[in-house]
Structure formats: structure tokens, C-alpha cells
Amino acid sequence: MHKHTWTKEQIGTLKAVYASDAGRYVLDLIVYDLCQFHGVSADPNAYLRDMHAGARHVGGQLFNAIHLPADAIVKEKPDDRHGPITATERYARSVAAGIDTAKRGG
């Protein structure tokens, strides 16, 4: 299932809404009643079973955003050391590290 990528602003907004009585009522209605967060997926109809699982997934995402610290949910972008790099970047890193690239592959 797709997991929403939260921002700290989005989580802060949800927490601010949940802090009021009316906001708590509405978010609890969405999470527990509409999404049936504590429900079960047992249904002979595969379509309904998948719909219930999806709704509970949404409820779980909202529940976590409301009740967990924002730092536990928001994933910072990884640093540039991970992932593909171009040959130019690889050469620049080699030069910066003091590796003599002229001796390679001769």
C-alpha cells in the first residue's frame, strides 16, 4: 500500500485540530468510525475486504500522525552519498579524497 509522506507542517496541523474538542471529535469519527481502525478484514467479498483494509490503512496513517512525535514520522531526505552519481561527481569526489585517477585502468 502507498504510505503518505508526511511533512512536519501537515502533522502540526493535524495535532492542532486534534487539540480542540470539536477537532478531536471529528478526527476520532474519521479514524475509528469511518475507517474502522480497530475493525477486521474478514469478509467473503474480496472487494469489500480490500476496501476495509484500505480504509483501515488510512485510519492508521491518521492515527500515527496524531499520536506519534513528528520526528518519528517525517523522514528527512537522505544525504547525497547514497544513490547514483554521475562520472563527473565520482571524479570530483576522487580528487577531493586525494585519489590519483590517472593510475587507474592503464
PDB file of N, CA and C in Angstrom:
ATOM      1  N   MET A   1       0.830  -1.188   0.000  1.00  0.00           N
ATOM      2  CA  MET A   1       0.000   0.000   0.000  1.00  0.00           C
ATOM      3  C   MET A   1       0.871   1.246   0.000  1.00  0.00           C
ATOM      4  N   HIS A   2       0.334   2.278  -0.523  1.00  0.00           N
ATOM      5  CA  HIS A   2       1.057   3.548  -0.559  1.00  0.00           C
ATOM      6  C   HIS A   2       1.086   4.158   0.841  1.00  0.00           C
ATOM      7  N   LYS A   3       2.245   4.584   1.242  1.00  0.00           N
ATOM      8  CA  LYS A   3       2.374   5.255   2.533  1.00  0.00           C
ATOM      9  C   LYS A   3       2.594   6.738   2.265  1.00  0.00           C
ATOM     10  N   HIS A   4       1.760   7.563   2.856  1.00  0.00           N
ATOM     11  CA  HIS A   4       1.849   9.002   2.651  1.00  0.00           C
ATOM     12  C   HIS A   4       3.141   9.546   3.242  1.00  0.00           C
ATOM     13  N   THR A   5       3.790  10.436   2.526  1.00  0.00           N
ATOM     14  CA  THR A   5       4.989  11.093   3.018  1.00  0.00           C
ATOM     15  C   THR A   5       4.564  12.382   3.719  1.00  0.00           C
ATOM     16  N   TRP A   6       4.588  12.346   5.032  1.00  0.00           N
ATOM     17  CA  TRP A   6       4.126  13.480   5.833  1.00  0.00           C
ATOM     18  C   TRP A   6       5.181  14.565   5.901  1.00  0.00           C
ATOM     19  N   THR A   7       4.720  15.805   6.024  1.00  0.00           N
ATOM     20  CA  THR A   7       5.596  16.926   6.343  1.00  0.00           C
ATOM     21  C   THR A   7       5.304  17.334   7.787  1.00  0.00           C
ATOM     22  N   LYS A   8       6.238  18.034   8.391  1.00  0.00           N
ATOM     23  CA  LYS A   8       6.028  18.478   9.772  1.00  0.00           C
ATOM     24  C   LYS A   8       4.858  19.452   9.863  1.00  0.00           C
ATOM     25  N   GLU A   9       4.632  20.234   8.811  1.00  0.00           N
ATOM     26  CA  GLU A   9       3.515  21.185   8.808  1.00  0.00           C
ATOM     27  C   GLU A   9       2.178  20.440   8.808  1.00  0.00           C
ATOM     28  N   GLN A  10       2.081  19.380   8.011  1.00  0.00           N
ATOM     29  CA  GLN A  10       0.842  18.597   7.967  1.00  0.00           C
ATOM     30  C   GLN A  10       0.562  17.950   9.321  1.00  0.00           C
ATOM     31  N   ILE A  11       1.580  17.383   9.922  1.00  0.00           N
ATOM     32  CA  ILE A  11       1.403  16.740  11.228  1.00  0.00           C
ATOM     33  C   ILE A  11       1.046  17.782  12.279  1.00  0.00           C
ATOM     34  N   GLY A  12       1.697  18.933  12.233  1.00  0.00           N
ATOM     35  CA  GLY A  12       1.377  20.004  13.175  1.00  0.00           C
ATOM     36  C   GLY A  12      -0.057  20.463  13.042  1.00  0.00           C
ATOM     37  N   THR A  13      -0.555  20.546  11.803  1.00  0.00           N
ATOM     38  CA  THR A  13      -1.943  20.939  11.581  1.00  0.00           C
ATOM     39  C   THR A  13      -2.900  19.906  12.156  1.00  0.00           C
ATOM     40  N   LEU A  14      -2.633  18.625  11.908  1.00  0.00           N
ATOM     41  CA  LEU A  14      -3.497  17.571  12.468  1.00  0.00           C
ATOM     42  C   LEU A  14      -3.492  17.608  13.996  1.00  0.00           C
ATOM     43  N   LYS A  15      -2.316  17.783  14.576  1.00  0.00           N
ATOM     44  CA  LYS A  15      -2.225  17.831  16.043  1.00  0.00           C
ATOM     45  C   LYS A  15      -2.958  19.051  16.600  1.00  0.00           C
ATOM     46  N   ALA A  16      -2.894  20.177  15.895  1.00  0.00           N
ATOM     47  CA  ALA A  16      -3.602  21.382  16.340  1.00  0.00           C
ATOM     48  C   ALA A  16      -5.107  21.175  16.258  1.00  0.00           C
ATOM     49  N   VAL A  17      -5.568  20.544  15.192  1.00  0.00           N
ATOM     50  CA  VAL A  17      -7.006  20.257  15.068  1.00  0.00           C
ATOM     51  C   VAL A  17      -7.439  19.299  16.168  1.00  0.00           C
ATOM     52  N   TYR A  18      -6.618  18.275  16.437  1.00  0.00           N
ATOM     53  CA  TYR A  18      -6.952  17.273  17.446  1.00  0.00           C
ATOM     54  C   TYR A  18      -6.955  17.861  18.858  1.00  0.00           C
ATOM     55  N   ALA A  19      -6.257  18.958  19.055  1.00  0.00           N
ATOM     56  CA  ALA A  19      -6.188  19.581  20.384  1.00  0.00           C
ATOM     57  C   ALA A  19      -7.511  20.219  20.797  1.00  0.00           C
ATOM     58  N   SER A  20      -8.360  20.574  19.835  1.00  0.00           N
ATOM     59  CA  SER A  20      -9.664  21.161  20.187  1.00  0.00           C
ATOM     60  C   SER A  20     -10.691  20.050  20.362  1.00  0.00           C
ATOM     61  N   ASP A  21     -11.735  20.311  21.127  1.00  0.00           N
ATOM     62  CA  ASP A  21     -12.771  19.297  21.360  1.00  0.00           C
ATOM     63  C   ASP A  21     -13.474  18.901  20.068  1.00  0.00           C
ATOM     64  N   ALA A  22     -13.835  19.903  19.260  1.00  0.00           N
ATOM     65  CA  ALA A  22     -14.524  19.612  18.003  1.00  0.00           C
ATOM     66  C   ALA A  22     -13.605  18.857  17.047  1.00  0.00           C
ATOM     67  N   GLY A  23     -12.340  19.250  16.987  1.00  0.00           N
ATOM     68  CA  GLY A  23     -11.380  18.569  16.122  1.00  0.00           C
ATOM     69  C   GLY A  23     -11.143  17.141  16.554  1.00  0.00           C
ATOM     70  N   ARG A  24     -11.056  16.935  17.866  1.00  0.00           N
ATOM     71  CA  ARG A  24     -10.873  15.573  18.390  1.00  0.00           C
ATOM     72  C   ARG A  24     -12.077  14.705  18.021  1.00  0.00           C
ATOM     73  N   TYR A  25     -13.276  15.271  18.143  1.00  0.00           N
ATOM     74  CA  TYR A  25     -14.483  14.521  17.811  1.00  0.00           C
ATOM     75  C   TYR A  25     -14.472  14.116  16.330  1.00  0.00           C
ATOM     76  N   VAL A  26     -14.146  15.072  15.449  1.00  0.00           N
ATOM     77  CA  VAL A  26     -14.170  14.800  14.005  1.00  0.00           C
ATOM     78  C   VAL A  26     -13.090  13.789  13.620  1.00  0.00           C
ATOM     79  N   LEU A  27     -11.870  13.971  14.123  1.00  0.00           N
ATOM     80  CA  LEU A  27     -10.799  13.044  13.759  1.00  0.00           C
ATOM     81  C   LEU A  27     -11.037  11.649  14.330  1.00  0.00           C
ATOM     82  N   ASP A  28     -11.572  11.563  15.553  1.00  0.00           N
ATOM     83  CA  ASP A  28     -11.927  10.250  16.099  1.00  0.00           C
ATOM     84  C   ASP A  28     -13.036   9.603  15.277  1.00  0.00           C
ATOM     85  N   LEU A  29     -13.991  10.394  14.813  1.00  0.00           N
ATOM     86  CA  LEU A  29     -15.057   9.878  13.952  1.00  0.00           C
ATOM     87  C   LEU A  29     -14.464   9.300  12.669  1.00  0.00           C
ATOM     88  N   ILE A  30     -13.529  10.024  12.068  1.00  0.00           N
ATOM     89  CA  ILE A  30     -12.905   9.546  10.823  1.00  0.00           C
ATOM     90  C   ILE A  30     -12.089   8.281  11.071  1.00  0.00           C
ATOM     91  N   VAL A  31     -11.205   8.327  12.073  1.00  0.00           N
ATOM     92  CA  VAL A  31     -10.284   7.218  12.306  1.00  0.00           C
ATOM     93  C   VAL A  31     -11.018   5.964  12.789  1.00  0.00           C
ATOM     94  N   TYR A  32     -11.870   6.117  13.800  1.00  0.00           N
ATOM     95  CA  TYR A  32     -12.450   4.932  14.430  1.00  0.00           C
ATOM     96  C   TYR A  32     -13.759   4.480  13.796  1.00  0.00           C
ATOM     97  N   ASP A  33     -14.607   5.403  13.369  1.00  0.00           N
ATOM     98  CA  ASP A  33     -15.904   5.011  12.830  1.00  0.00           C
ATOM     99  C   ASP A  33     -15.879   4.825  11.311  1.00  0.00           C
ATOM    100  N   LEU A  34     -15.401   5.833  10.590  1.00  0.00           N
ATOM    101  CA  LEU A  34     -15.417   5.726   9.133  1.00  0.00           C
ATOM    102  C   LEU A  34     -14.337   4.775   8.609  1.00  0.00           C
ATOM    103  N   CYS A  35     -13.135   4.872   9.152  1.00  0.00           N
ATOM    104  CA  CYS A  35     -12.049   3.995   8.711  1.00  0.00           C
ATOM    105  C   CYS A  35     -12.044   2.659   9.444  1.00  0.00           C
ATOM    106  N   GLN A  36     -12.820   2.539  10.497  1.00  0.00           N
ATOM    107  CA  GLN A  36     -12.896   1.317  11.313  1.00  0.00           C
ATOM    108  C   GLN A  36     -11.501   0.807  11.650  1.00  0.00           C
ATOM    109  N   PHE A  37     -10.717   1.696  12.257  1.00  0.00           N
ATOM    110  CA  PHE A  37      -9.319   1.419  12.544  1.00  0.00           C
ATOM    111  C   PHE A  37      -9.121   0.124  13.335  1.00  0.00           C
ATOM    112  N   HIS A  38     -10.020  -0.178  14.243  1.00  0.00           N
ATOM    113  CA  HIS A  38      -9.893  -1.402  15.042  1.00  0.00           C
ATOM    114  C   HIS A  38     -10.783  -2.530  14.516  1.00  0.00           C
ATOM    115  N   GLY A  39     -11.250  -2.404  13.283  1.00  0.00           N
ATOM    116  CA  GLY A  39     -12.101  -3.439  12.693  1.00  0.00           C
ATOM    117  C   GLY A  39     -11.298  -4.612  12.162  1.00  0.00           C
ATOM    118  N   VAL A  40     -12.008  -5.557  11.587  1.00  0.00           N
ATOM    119  CA  VAL A  40     -11.364  -6.737  10.991  1.00  0.00           C
ATOM    120  C   VAL A  40     -11.657  -6.776   9.501  1.00  0.00           C
ATOM    121  N   SER A  41     -10.801  -7.459   8.753  1.00  0.00           N
ATOM    122  CA  SER A  41     -10.947  -7.526   7.301  1.00  0.00           C
ATOM    123  C   SER A  41     -11.729  -8.744   6.832  1.00  0.00           C
ATOM    124  N   ALA A  42     -12.193  -9.568   7.748  1.00  0.00           N
ATOM    125  CA  ALA A  42     -12.867 -10.805   7.354  1.00  0.00           C
ATOM    126  C   ALA A  42     -14.169 -10.497   6.616  1.00  0.00           C
ATOM    127  N   ASP A  43     -14.176 -10.765   5.315  1.00  0.00           N
ATOM    128  CA  ASP A  43     -15.364 -10.586   4.503  1.00  0.00           C
ATOM    129  C   ASP A  43     -15.241 -11.526   3.312  1.00  0.00           C
ATOM    130  N   PRO A  44     -16.271 -12.310   3.013  1.00  0.00           N
ATOM    131  CA  PRO A  44     -16.170 -13.235   1.884  1.00  0.00           C
ATOM    132  C   PRO A  44     -16.039 -12.512   0.537  1.00  0.00           C
ATOM    133  N   ASN A  45     -16.491 -11.271   0.479  1.00  0.00           N
ATOM    134  CA  ASN A  45     -16.397 -10.495  -0.743  1.00  0.00           C
ATOM    135  C   ASN A  45     -15.006  -9.849  -0.793  1.00  0.00           C
ATOM    136  N   ALA A  46     -14.180 -10.256  -1.766  1.00  0.00           N
ATOM    137  CA  ALA A  46     -12.803  -9.766  -1.851  1.00  0.00           C
ATOM    138  C   ALA A  46     -12.756  -8.256  -2.029  1.00  0.00           C
ATOM    139  N   TYR A  47     -13.680  -7.692  -2.780  1.00  0.00           N
ATOM    140  CA  TYR A  47     -13.698  -6.258  -2.998  1.00  0.00           C
ATOM    141  C   TYR A  47     -13.916  -5.519  -1.676  1.00  0.00           C
ATOM    142  N   LEU A  48     -14.914  -5.960  -0.894  1.00  0.00           N
ATOM    143  CA  LEU A  48     -15.181  -5.315   0.391  1.00  0.00           C
ATOM    144  C   LEU A  48     -14.027  -5.508   1.370  1.00  0.00           C
ATOM    145  N   ARG A  49     -13.423  -6.703   1.347  1.00  0.00           N
ATOM    146  CA  ARG A  49     -12.289  -6.974   2.226  1.00  0.00           C
ATOM    147  C   ARG A  49     -11.138  -6.002   1.914  1.00  0.00           C
ATOM    148  N   ASP A  50     -10.862  -5.795   0.623  1.00  0.00           N
ATOM    149  CA  ASP A  50      -9.798  -4.865   0.240  1.00  0.00           C
ATOM    150  C   ASP A  50     -10.161  -3.428   0.577  1.00  0.00           C
ATOM    151  N   MET A  51     -11.417  -3.064   0.420  1.00  0.00           N
ATOM    152  CA  MET A  51     -11.854  -1.710   0.766  1.00  0.00           C
ATOM    153  C   MET A  51     -11.696  -1.458   2.268  1.00  0.00           C
ATOM    154  N   HIS A  52     -12.064  -2.459   3.087  1.00  0.00           N
ATOM    155  CA  HIS A  52     -11.919  -2.318   4.540  1.00  0.00           C
ATOM    156  C   HIS A  52     -10.435  -2.179   4.919  1.00  0.00           C
ATOM    157  N   ALA A  53      -9.578  -2.969   4.284  1.00  0.00           N
ATOM    158  CA  ALA A  53      -8.144  -2.899   4.578  1.00  0.00           C
ATOM    159  C   ALA A  53      -7.592  -1.528   4.185  1.00  0.00           C
ATOM    160  N   GLY A  54      -8.013  -1.005   3.054  1.00  0.00           N
ATOM    161  CA  GLY A  54      -7.563   0.323   2.626  1.00  0.00           C
ATOM    162  C   GLY A  54      -8.037   1.418   3.566  1.00  0.00           C
ATOM    163  N   ALA A  55      -9.282   1.323   3.991  1.00  0.00           N
ATOM    164  CA  ALA A  55      -9.821   2.317   4.920  1.00  0.00           C
ATOM    165  C   ALA A  55      -9.059   2.277   6.242  1.00  0.00           C
ATOM    166  N   ARG A  56      -8.756   1.059   6.724  1.00  0.00           N
ATOM    167  CA  ARG A  56      -8.005   0.936   7.975  1.00  0.00           C
ATOM    168  C   ARG A  56      -6.581   1.460   7.816  1.00  0.00           C
ATOM    169  N   HIS A  57      -6.015   1.297   6.621  1.00  0.00           N
ATOM    170  CA  HIS A  57      -4.678   1.840   6.367  1.00  0.00           C
ATOM    171  C   HIS A  57      -4.703   3.372   6.496  1.00  0.00           C
ATOM    172  N   VAL A  58      -5.711   4.002   5.922  1.00  0.00           N
ATOM    173  CA  VAL A  58      -5.855   5.453   6.027  1.00  0.00           C
ATOM    174  C   VAL A  58      -6.038   5.852   7.494  1.00  0.00           C
ATOM    175  N   GLY A  59      -6.879   5.123   8.210  1.00  0.00           N
ATOM    176  CA  GLY A  59      -7.080   5.397   9.632  1.00  0.00           C
ATOM    177  C   GLY A  59      -5.788   5.259  10.419  1.00  0.00           C
ATOM    178  N   GLY A  60      -4.989   4.251  10.088  1.00  0.00           N
ATOM    179  CA  GLY A  60      -3.713   4.045  10.766  1.00  0.00           C
ATOM    180  C   GLY A  60      -2.728   5.172  10.497  1.00  0.00           C
ATOM    181  N   GLN A  61      -2.723   5.648   9.257  1.00  0.00           N
ATOM    182  CA  GLN A  61      -1.853   6.774   8.911  1.00  0.00           C
ATOM    183  C   GLN A  61      -2.240   8.020   9.730  1.00  0.00           C
ATOM    184  N   LEU A  62      -3.539   8.294   9.799  1.00  0.00           N
ATOM    185  CA  LEU A  62      -4.011   9.443  10.578  1.00  0.00           C
ATOM    186  C   LEU A  62      -3.720   9.261  12.061  1.00  0.00           C
ATOM    187  N   PHE A  63      -3.976   8.062  12.575  1.00  0.00           N
ATOM    188  CA  PHE A  63      -3.730   7.764  13.986  1.00  0.00           C
ATOM    189  C   PHE A  63      -2.263   8.013  14.335  1.00  0.00           C
ATOM    190  N   ASN A  64      -1.355   7.505  13.506  1.00  0.00           N
ATOM    191  CA  ASN A  64       0.075   7.704  13.762  1.00  0.00           C
ATOM    192  C   ASN A  64       0.458   9.175  13.698  1.00  0.00           C
ATOM    193  N   ALA A  65      -0.084   9.887  12.725  1.00  0.00           N
ATOM    194  CA  ALA A  65       0.249  11.306  12.589  1.00  0.00           C
ATOM    195  C   ALA A  65      -0.232  12.107  13.801  1.00  0.00           C
ATOM    196  N   ILE A  66      -1.344  11.706  14.374  1.00  0.00           N
ATOM    197  CA  ILE A  66      -1.897  12.419  15.522  1.00  0.00           C
ATOM    198  C   ILE A  66      -1.145  12.072  16.805  1.00  0.00           C
ATOM    199  N   HIS A  67      -0.831  10.797  17.002  1.00  0.00           N
ATOM    200  CA  HIS A  67      -0.345  10.343  18.306  1.00  0.00           C
ATOM    201  C   HIS A  67       1.164  10.153  18.420  1.00  0.00           C
ATOM    202  N   LEU A  68       1.887  10.039  17.315  1.00  0.00           N
ATOM    203  CA  LEU A  68       3.336   9.864  17.389  1.00  0.00           C
ATOM    204  C   LEU A  68       4.043  11.211  17.243  1.00  0.00           C
ATOM    205  N   PRO A  69       5.250  11.328  17.775  1.00  0.00           N
ATOM    206  CA  PRO A  69       6.001  12.570  17.566  1.00  0.00           C
ATOM    207  C   PRO A  69       6.310  12.768  16.084  1.00  0.00           C
ATOM    208  N   ALA A  70       6.319  14.009  15.645  1.00  0.00           N
ATOM    209  CA  ALA A  70       6.552  14.302  14.220  1.00  0.00           C
ATOM    210  C   ALA A  70       7.900  13.770  13.765  1.00  0.00           C
ATOM    211  N   ASP A  71       8.905  13.815  14.620  1.00  0.00           N
ATOM    212  CA  ASP A  71      10.229  13.334  14.225  1.00  0.00           C
ATOM    213  C   ASP A  71      10.248  11.837  13.954  1.00  0.00           C
ATOM    214  N   ALA A  72       9.323  11.093  14.545  1.00  0.00           N
ATOM    215  CA  ALA A  72       9.257   9.655  14.304  1.00  0.00           C
ATOM    216  C   ALA A  72       8.598   9.339  12.965  1.00  0.00           C
ATOM    217  N   ILE A  73       7.864  10.277  12.413  1.00  0.00           N
ATOM    218  CA  ILE A  73       7.127  10.031  11.169  1.00  0.00           C
ATOM    219  C   ILE A  73       7.800  10.666   9.968  1.00  0.00           C
ATOM    220  N   VAL A  74       8.236  11.902  10.127  1.00  0.00           N
ATOM    221  CA  VAL A  74       8.814  12.635   8.994  1.00  0.00           C
ATOM    222  C   VAL A  74      10.218  12.111   8.740  1.00  0.00           C
ATOM    223  N   LYS A  75      10.428  11.653   7.535  1.00  0.00           N
ATOM    224  CA  LYS A  75      11.735  11.140   7.137  1.00  0.00           C
ATOM    225  C   LYS A  75      12.467  12.240   6.380  1.00  0.00           C
ATOM    226  N   GLU A  76      13.622  12.602   6.898  1.00  0.00           N
ATOM    227  CA  GLU A  76      14.429  13.614   6.226  1.00  0.00           C
ATOM    228  C   GLU A  76      15.003  13.018   4.948  1.00  0.00           C
ATOM    229  N   LYS A  77      15.281  13.882   3.996  1.00  0.00           N
ATOM    230  CA  LYS A  77      15.866  13.423   2.741  1.00  0.00           C
ATOM    231  C   LYS A  77      17.249  12.832   3.034  1.00  0.00           C
ATOM    232  N   PRO A  78      17.560  11.702   2.396  1.00  0.00           N
ATOM    233  CA  PRO A  78      18.880  11.115   2.628  1.00  0.00           C
ATOM    234  C   PRO A  78      19.973  12.019   2.060  1.00  0.00           C
ATOM    235  N   ASP A  79      21.159  11.913   2.631  1.00  0.00           N
ATOM    236  CA  ASP A  79      22.247  12.740   2.118  1.00  0.00           C
ATOM    237  C   ASP A  79      22.659  12.262   0.723  1.00  0.00           C
ATOM    238  N   ASP A  80      23.459  13.048   0.064  1.00  0.00           N
ATOM    239  CA  ASP A  80      23.820  12.775  -1.328  1.00  0.00           C
ATOM    240  C   ASP A  80      24.783  11.610  -1.490  1.00  0.00           C
ATOM    241  N   ARG A  81      25.277  11.063  -0.410  1.00  0.00           N
ATOM    242  CA  ARG A  81      26.220   9.956  -0.538  1.00  0.00           C
ATOM    243  C   ARG A  81      25.542   8.666  -0.976  1.00  0.00           C
ATOM    244  N   HIS A  82      24.238   8.600  -0.863  1.00  0.00           N
ATOM    245  CA  HIS A  82      23.517   7.389  -1.230  1.00  0.00           C
ATOM    246  C   HIS A  82      22.803   7.612  -2.552  1.00  0.00           C
ATOM    247  N   GLY A  83      22.848   6.624  -3.406  1.00  0.00           N
ATOM    248  CA  GLY A  83      22.167   6.732  -4.683  1.00  0.00           C
ATOM    249  C   GLY A  83      23.157   6.920  -5.822  1.00  0.00           C
ATOM    250  N   PRO A  84      22.648   6.921  -7.026  1.00  0.00           N
ATOM    251  CA  PRO A  84      23.531   7.017  -8.196  1.00  0.00           C
ATOM    252  C   PRO A  84      24.182   8.395  -8.311  1.00  0.00           C
ATOM    253  N   ILE A  85      25.411   8.405  -8.818  1.00  0.00           N
ATOM    254  CA  ILE A  85      26.119   9.657  -9.067  1.00  0.00           C
ATOM    255  C   ILE A  85      26.658   9.627 -10.496  1.00  0.00           C
ATOM    256  N   THR A  86      26.941  10.784 -11.036  1.00  0.00           N
ATOM    257  CA  THR A  86      27.484  10.858 -12.392  1.00  0.00           C
ATOM    258  C   THR A  86      28.994  10.631 -12.350  1.00  0.00           C
ATOM    259  N   ALA A  87      29.577  10.392 -13.521  1.00  0.00           N
ATOM    260  CA  ALA A  87      31.022  10.194 -13.607  1.00  0.00           C
ATOM    261  C   ALA A  87      31.767  11.454 -13.167  1.00  0.00           C
ATOM    262  N   THR A  88      31.198  12.609 -13.474  1.00  0.00           N
ATOM    263  CA  THR A  88      31.821  13.870 -13.069  1.00  0.00           C
ATOM    264  C   THR A  88      31.851  13.992 -11.550  1.00  0.00           C
ATOM    265  N   GLU A  89      30.741  13.631 -10.888  1.00  0.00           N
ATOM    266  CA  GLU A  89      30.698  13.673  -9.422  1.00  0.00           C
ATOM    267  C   GLU A  89      31.676  12.662  -8.826  1.00  0.00           C
ATOM    268  N   ARG A  90      31.762  11.482  -9.433  1.00  0.00           N
ATOM    269  CA  ARG A  90      32.680  10.454  -8.942  1.00  0.00           C
ATOM    270  C   ARG A  90      34.126  10.953  -9.044  1.00  0.00           C
ATOM    271  N   TYR A  91      34.472  11.598 -10.172  1.00  0.00           N
ATOM    272  CA  TYR A  91      35.821  12.143 -10.364  1.00  0.00           C
ATOM    273  C   TYR A  91      36.103  13.231  -9.324  1.00  0.00           C
ATOM    274  N   ALA A  92      35.137  14.135  -9.112  1.00  0.00           N
ATOM    275  CA  ALA A  92      35.331  15.219  -8.146  1.00  0.00           C
ATOM    276  C   ALA A  92      35.534  14.662  -6.741  1.00  0.00           C
ATOM    277  N   ARG A  93      34.820  13.626  -6.385  1.00  0.00           N
ATOM    278  CA  ARG A  93      34.995  13.015  -5.059  1.00  0.00           C
ATOM    279  C   ARG A  93      36.357  12.350  -4.946  1.00  0.00           C
ATOM    280  N   SER A  94      36.811  11.725  -6.037  1.00  0.00           N
ATOM    281  CA  SER A  94      38.129  11.082  -6.027  1.00  0.00           C
ATOM    282  C   SER A  94      39.233  12.116  -5.843  1.00  0.00           C
ATOM    283  N   VAL A  95      39.136  13.220  -6.571  1.00  0.00           N
ATOM    284  CA  VAL A  95      40.131  14.293  -6.454  1.00  0.00           C
ATOM    285  C   VAL A  95      40.111  14.868  -5.046  1.00  0.00           C
ATOM    286  N   ALA A  96      38.892  15.096  -4.500  1.00  0.00           N
ATOM    287  CA  ALA A  96      38.774  15.644  -3.149  1.00  0.00           C
ATOM    288  C   ALA A  96      39.361  14.695  -2.109  1.00  0.00           C
ATOM    289  N   ALA A  97      39.285  13.389  -2.364  1.00  0.00           N
ATOM    290  CA  ALA A  97      39.811  12.406  -1.420  1.00  0.00           C
ATOM    291  C   ALA A  97      41.306  12.163  -1.628  1.00  0.00           C
ATOM    292  N   GLY A  98      41.887  12.791  -2.663  1.00  0.00           N
ATOM    293  CA  GLY A  98      43.321  12.632  -2.909  1.00  0.00           C
ATOM    294  C   GLY A  98      43.672  11.366  -3.663  1.00  0.00           C
ATOM    295  N   ILE A  99      42.727  10.786  -4.363  1.00  0.00           N
ATOM    296  CA  ILE A  99      42.969   9.571  -5.137  1.00  0.00           C
ATOM    297  C   ILE A  99      43.433   9.980  -6.525  1.00  0.00           C
ATOM    298  N   ASP A 100      44.571   9.426  -6.950  1.00  0.00           N
ATOM    299  CA  ASP A 100      45.116   9.749  -8.270  1.00  0.00           C
ATOM    300  C   ASP A 100      44.399   8.888  -9.308  1.00  0.00           C
ATOM    301  N   THR A 101      43.509   9.463 -10.058  1.00  0.00           N
ATOM    302  CA  THR A 101      42.720   8.708 -11.034  1.00  0.00           C
ATOM    303  C   THR A 101      43.511   8.396 -12.280  1.00  0.00           C
ATOM    304  N   ALA A 102      44.642   9.036 -12.519  1.00  0.00           N
ATOM    305  CA  ALA A 102      45.452   8.769 -13.708  1.00  0.00           C
ATOM    306  C   ALA A 102      46.083   7.384 -13.668  1.00  0.00           C
ATOM    307  N   LYS A 103      46.284   6.815 -12.478  1.00  0.00           N
ATOM    308  CA  LYS A 103      46.916   5.499 -12.345  1.00  0.00           C
ATOM    309  C   LYS A 103      45.941   4.358 -12.602  1.00  0.00           C
ATOM    310  N   ARG A 104      44.685   4.658 -12.702  1.00  0.00           N
ATOM    311  CA  ARG A 104      43.678   3.596 -12.877  1.00  0.00           C
ATOM    312  C   ARG A 104      43.629   3.101 -14.320  1.00  0.00           C
ATOM    313  N   GLY A 105      43.330   1.846 -14.439  1.00  0.00           N
ATOM    314  CA  GLY A 105      42.976   1.240 -15.727  1.00  0.00           C
ATOM    315  C   GLY A 105      44.007   1.389 -16.833  1.00  0.00           C
ATOM    316  N   GLY A 106      45.229   1.558 -16.540  1.00  0.00           N
ATOM    317  CA  GLY A 106      46.232   1.812 -17.542  1.00  0.00           C
ATOM    318  C   GLY A 106      46.651   0.662 -18.272  1.00  0.00           C
TER     319      GLY A 106
END
